[in-house]
Amino acid sequence: MYKAEGYWNVKPRIKRLSFPKRGKFQVDLQDGRSVTMPISAFPSLKKVPTKERENWYLMGGGVTWDSCPEVIHIEQILGNYQNYAHEHSSQQL
């Protein structure tokens, strides 16, 4: 049986969020991928107090915190809006 190589037909979903080292955060996806980014790329996250950052929760395909007015969506993390835009969630990716 042939299976496509890579992640062509996988809709990315956030599984876990962590802060492995100072100034960085990591998003683990349900499909096994992990992405590490600088916190400085997300000004709304930068405003979340360090002690509260571990208290995140999923909201609408993204992640947020009680003290954060924004939701960081998967397309902001993966950087490919056309392929991952939550507005296109009814389409098969």
C-alpha atoms as a PDB file:
ATOM      1  CA  MET A   1       0.000   0.000   0.000  1.00  0.00           C
ATOM      2  CA  TYR A   2       1.386   3.387  -0.990  1.00  0.00           C
ATOM      3  CA  LYS A   3       1.414   6.201   1.554  1.00  0.00           C
ATOM      4  CA  ALA A   4       2.323   9.785   0.625  1.00  0.00           C
ATOM      5  CA  GLU A   5       5.679  10.879   1.972  1.00  0.00           C
ATOM      6  CA  GLY A   6       5.652  13.791   4.389  1.00  0.00           C
ATOM      7  CA  TYR A   7       2.689  15.671   5.866  1.00  0.00           C
ATOM      8  CA  TRP A   8       0.674  16.568   2.753  1.00  0.00           C
ATOM      9  CA  ASN A   9      -2.688  15.379   4.038  1.00  0.00           C
ATOM     10  CA  VAL A  10      -2.286  16.119   7.739  1.00  0.00           C
ATOM     11  CA  LYS A  11      -4.188  18.915   9.406  1.00  0.00           C
ATOM     12  CA  PRO A  12      -1.861  20.323  12.080  1.00  0.00           C
ATOM     13  CA  ARG A  13      -3.290  20.327  15.598  1.00  0.00           C
ATOM     14  CA  ILE A  14      -1.576  21.561  18.750  1.00  0.00           C
ATOM     15  CA  LYS A  15      -0.929  18.901  21.382  1.00  0.00           C
ATOM     16  CA  ARG A  16       1.399  20.594  23.855  1.00  0.00           C
ATOM     17  CA  LEU A  17       3.182  23.858  24.515  1.00  0.00           C
ATOM     18  CA  SER A  18       6.413  24.215  26.481  1.00  0.00           C
ATOM     19  CA  PHE A  19       9.177  26.679  27.215  1.00  0.00           C
ATOM     20  CA  PRO A  20      12.416  24.679  26.812  1.00  0.00           C
ATOM     21  CA  LYS A  21      14.782  27.614  27.337  1.00  0.00           C
ATOM     22  CA  ARG A  22      14.766  31.321  27.989  1.00  0.00           C
ATOM     23  CA  GLY A  23      13.242  33.346  25.172  1.00  0.00           C
ATOM     24  CA  LYS A  24      11.870  30.301  23.317  1.00  0.00           C
ATOM     25  CA  PHE A  25       8.668  28.333  23.208  1.00  0.00           C
ATOM     26  CA  GLN A  26       7.929  25.008  21.594  1.00  0.00           C
ATOM     27  CA  VAL A  27       4.710  23.718  20.093  1.00  0.00           C
ATOM     28  CA  ASP A  28       4.294  19.958  19.770  1.00  0.00           C
ATOM     29  CA  LEU A  29       1.726  18.830  17.205  1.00  0.00           C
ATOM     30  CA  GLN A  30      -0.439  15.729  17.396  1.00  0.00           C
ATOM     31  CA  ASP A  31       1.295  14.311  14.319  1.00  0.00           C
ATOM     32  CA  GLY A  32       4.673  14.230  16.080  1.00  0.00           C
ATOM     33  CA  ARG A  33       6.224  17.444  14.749  1.00  0.00           C
ATOM     34  CA  SER A  34       7.674  20.075  17.074  1.00  0.00           C
ATOM     35  CA  VAL A  35       8.335  23.721  16.272  1.00  0.00           C
ATOM     36  CA  THR A  36      10.514  25.977  18.445  1.00  0.00           C
ATOM     37  CA  MET A  37      10.222  29.744  18.034  1.00  0.00           C
ATOM     38  CA  PRO A  38      11.427  32.909  19.710  1.00  0.00           C
ATOM     39  CA  ILE A  39       8.894  34.431  22.090  1.00  0.00           C
ATOM     40  CA  SER A  40       9.829  37.832  20.638  1.00  0.00           C
ATOM     41  CA  ALA A  41       7.953  36.905  17.422  1.00  0.00           C
ATOM     42  CA  PHE A  42       4.707  36.885  19.435  1.00  0.00           C
ATOM     43  CA  PRO A  43       4.278  40.212  21.289  1.00  0.00           C
ATOM     44  CA  SER A  44       1.035  39.064  22.959  1.00  0.00           C
ATOM     45  CA  LEU A  45       2.814  36.025  24.466  1.00  0.00           C
ATOM     46  CA  LYS A  46       5.730  38.195  25.545  1.00  0.00           C
ATOM     47  CA  LYS A  47       3.260  40.134  27.744  1.00  0.00           C
ATOM     48  CA  VAL A  48       2.095  36.966  29.559  1.00  0.00           C
ATOM     49  CA  PRO A  49       3.911  36.769  32.913  1.00  0.00           C
ATOM     50  CA  THR A  50       6.515  33.990  32.989  1.00  0.00           C
ATOM     51  CA  LYS A  51       4.765  32.246  35.901  1.00  0.00           C
ATOM     52  CA  GLU A  52       1.510  32.055  33.881  1.00  0.00           C
ATOM     53  CA  ARG A  53       2.948  30.749  30.603  1.00  0.00           C
ATOM     54  CA  GLU A  54       2.557  27.097  31.580  1.00  0.00           C
ATOM     55  CA  ASN A  55      -1.198  27.690  32.134  1.00  0.00           C
ATOM     56  CA  TRP A  56      -2.154  27.749  28.454  1.00  0.00           C
ATOM     57  CA  TYR A  57      -5.241  26.240  26.870  1.00  0.00           C
ATOM     58  CA  LEU A  58      -6.511  25.431  23.403  1.00  0.00           C
ATOM     59  CA  MET A  59      -9.039  27.728  21.783  1.00  0.00           C
ATOM     60  CA  GLY A  60     -10.284  27.524  18.195  1.00  0.00           C
ATOM     61  CA  GLY A  61      -7.280  25.677  16.785  1.00  0.00           C
ATOM     62  CA  GLY A  62      -4.889  27.954  18.618  1.00  0.00           C
ATOM     63  CA  VAL A  63      -3.529  28.534  22.082  1.00  0.00           C
ATOM     64  CA  THR A  64      -4.104  31.327  24.609  1.00  0.00           C
ATOM     65  CA  TRP A  65      -3.802  32.258  28.282  1.00  0.00           C
ATOM     66  CA  ASP A  66      -6.181  33.893  30.760  1.00  0.00           C
ATOM     67  CA  SER A  67      -4.043  37.036  30.843  1.00  0.00           C
ATOM     68  CA  CYS A  68      -3.670  37.195  27.028  1.00  0.00           C
ATOM     69  CA  PRO A  69      -6.231  38.969  24.836  1.00  0.00           C
ATOM     70  CA  GLU A  70      -5.016  37.111  21.713  1.00  0.00           C
ATOM     71  CA  VAL A  71      -5.146  33.551  20.418  1.00  0.00           C
ATOM     72  CA  ILE A  72      -1.996  32.318  18.682  1.00  0.00           C
ATOM     73  CA  HIS A  73      -3.228  30.202  15.784  1.00  0.00           C
ATOM     74  CA  ILE A  74      -1.476  27.319  14.088  1.00  0.00           C
ATOM     75  CA  GLU A  75      -0.967  29.316  10.879  1.00  0.00           C
ATOM     76  CA  GLN A  76       0.994  31.923  12.846  1.00  0.00           C
ATOM     77  CA  ILE A  77       3.230  29.156  14.160  1.00  0.00           C
ATOM     78  CA  LEU A  78       3.770  27.277  10.891  1.00  0.00           C
ATOM     79  CA  GLY A  79       4.007  30.441   8.814  1.00  0.00           C
ATOM     80  CA  ASN A  80       2.031  29.265   5.793  1.00  0.00           C
ATOM     81  CA  TYR A  81      -1.310  31.021   5.950  1.00  0.00           C
ATOM     82  CA  GLN A  82      -2.656  29.636   2.653  1.00  0.00           C
ATOM     83  CA  ASN A  83      -2.202  26.036   3.783  1.00  0.00           C
ATOM     84  CA  TYR A  84      -3.132  26.318   7.434  1.00  0.00           C
ATOM     85  CA  ALA A  85      -5.612  29.207   7.763  1.00  0.00           C
ATOM     86  CA  HIS A  86      -8.270  28.381  10.334  1.00  0.00           C
ATOM     87  CA  GLU A  87     -10.823  30.149   8.098  1.00  0.00           C
ATOM     88  CA  HIS A  88     -10.406  27.231   5.669  1.00  0.00           C
ATOM     89  CA  SER A  89     -11.055  24.577   8.329  1.00  0.00           C
ATOM     90  CA  SER A  90     -14.006  23.150   6.360  1.00  0.00           C
ATOM     91  CA  GLN A  91     -11.668  22.316   3.464  1.00  0.00           C
ATOM     92  CA  GLN A  92      -9.562  19.204   3.519  1.00  0.00           C
ATOM     93  CA  LEU A  93      -5.857  20.059   3.713  1.00  0.00           C
END
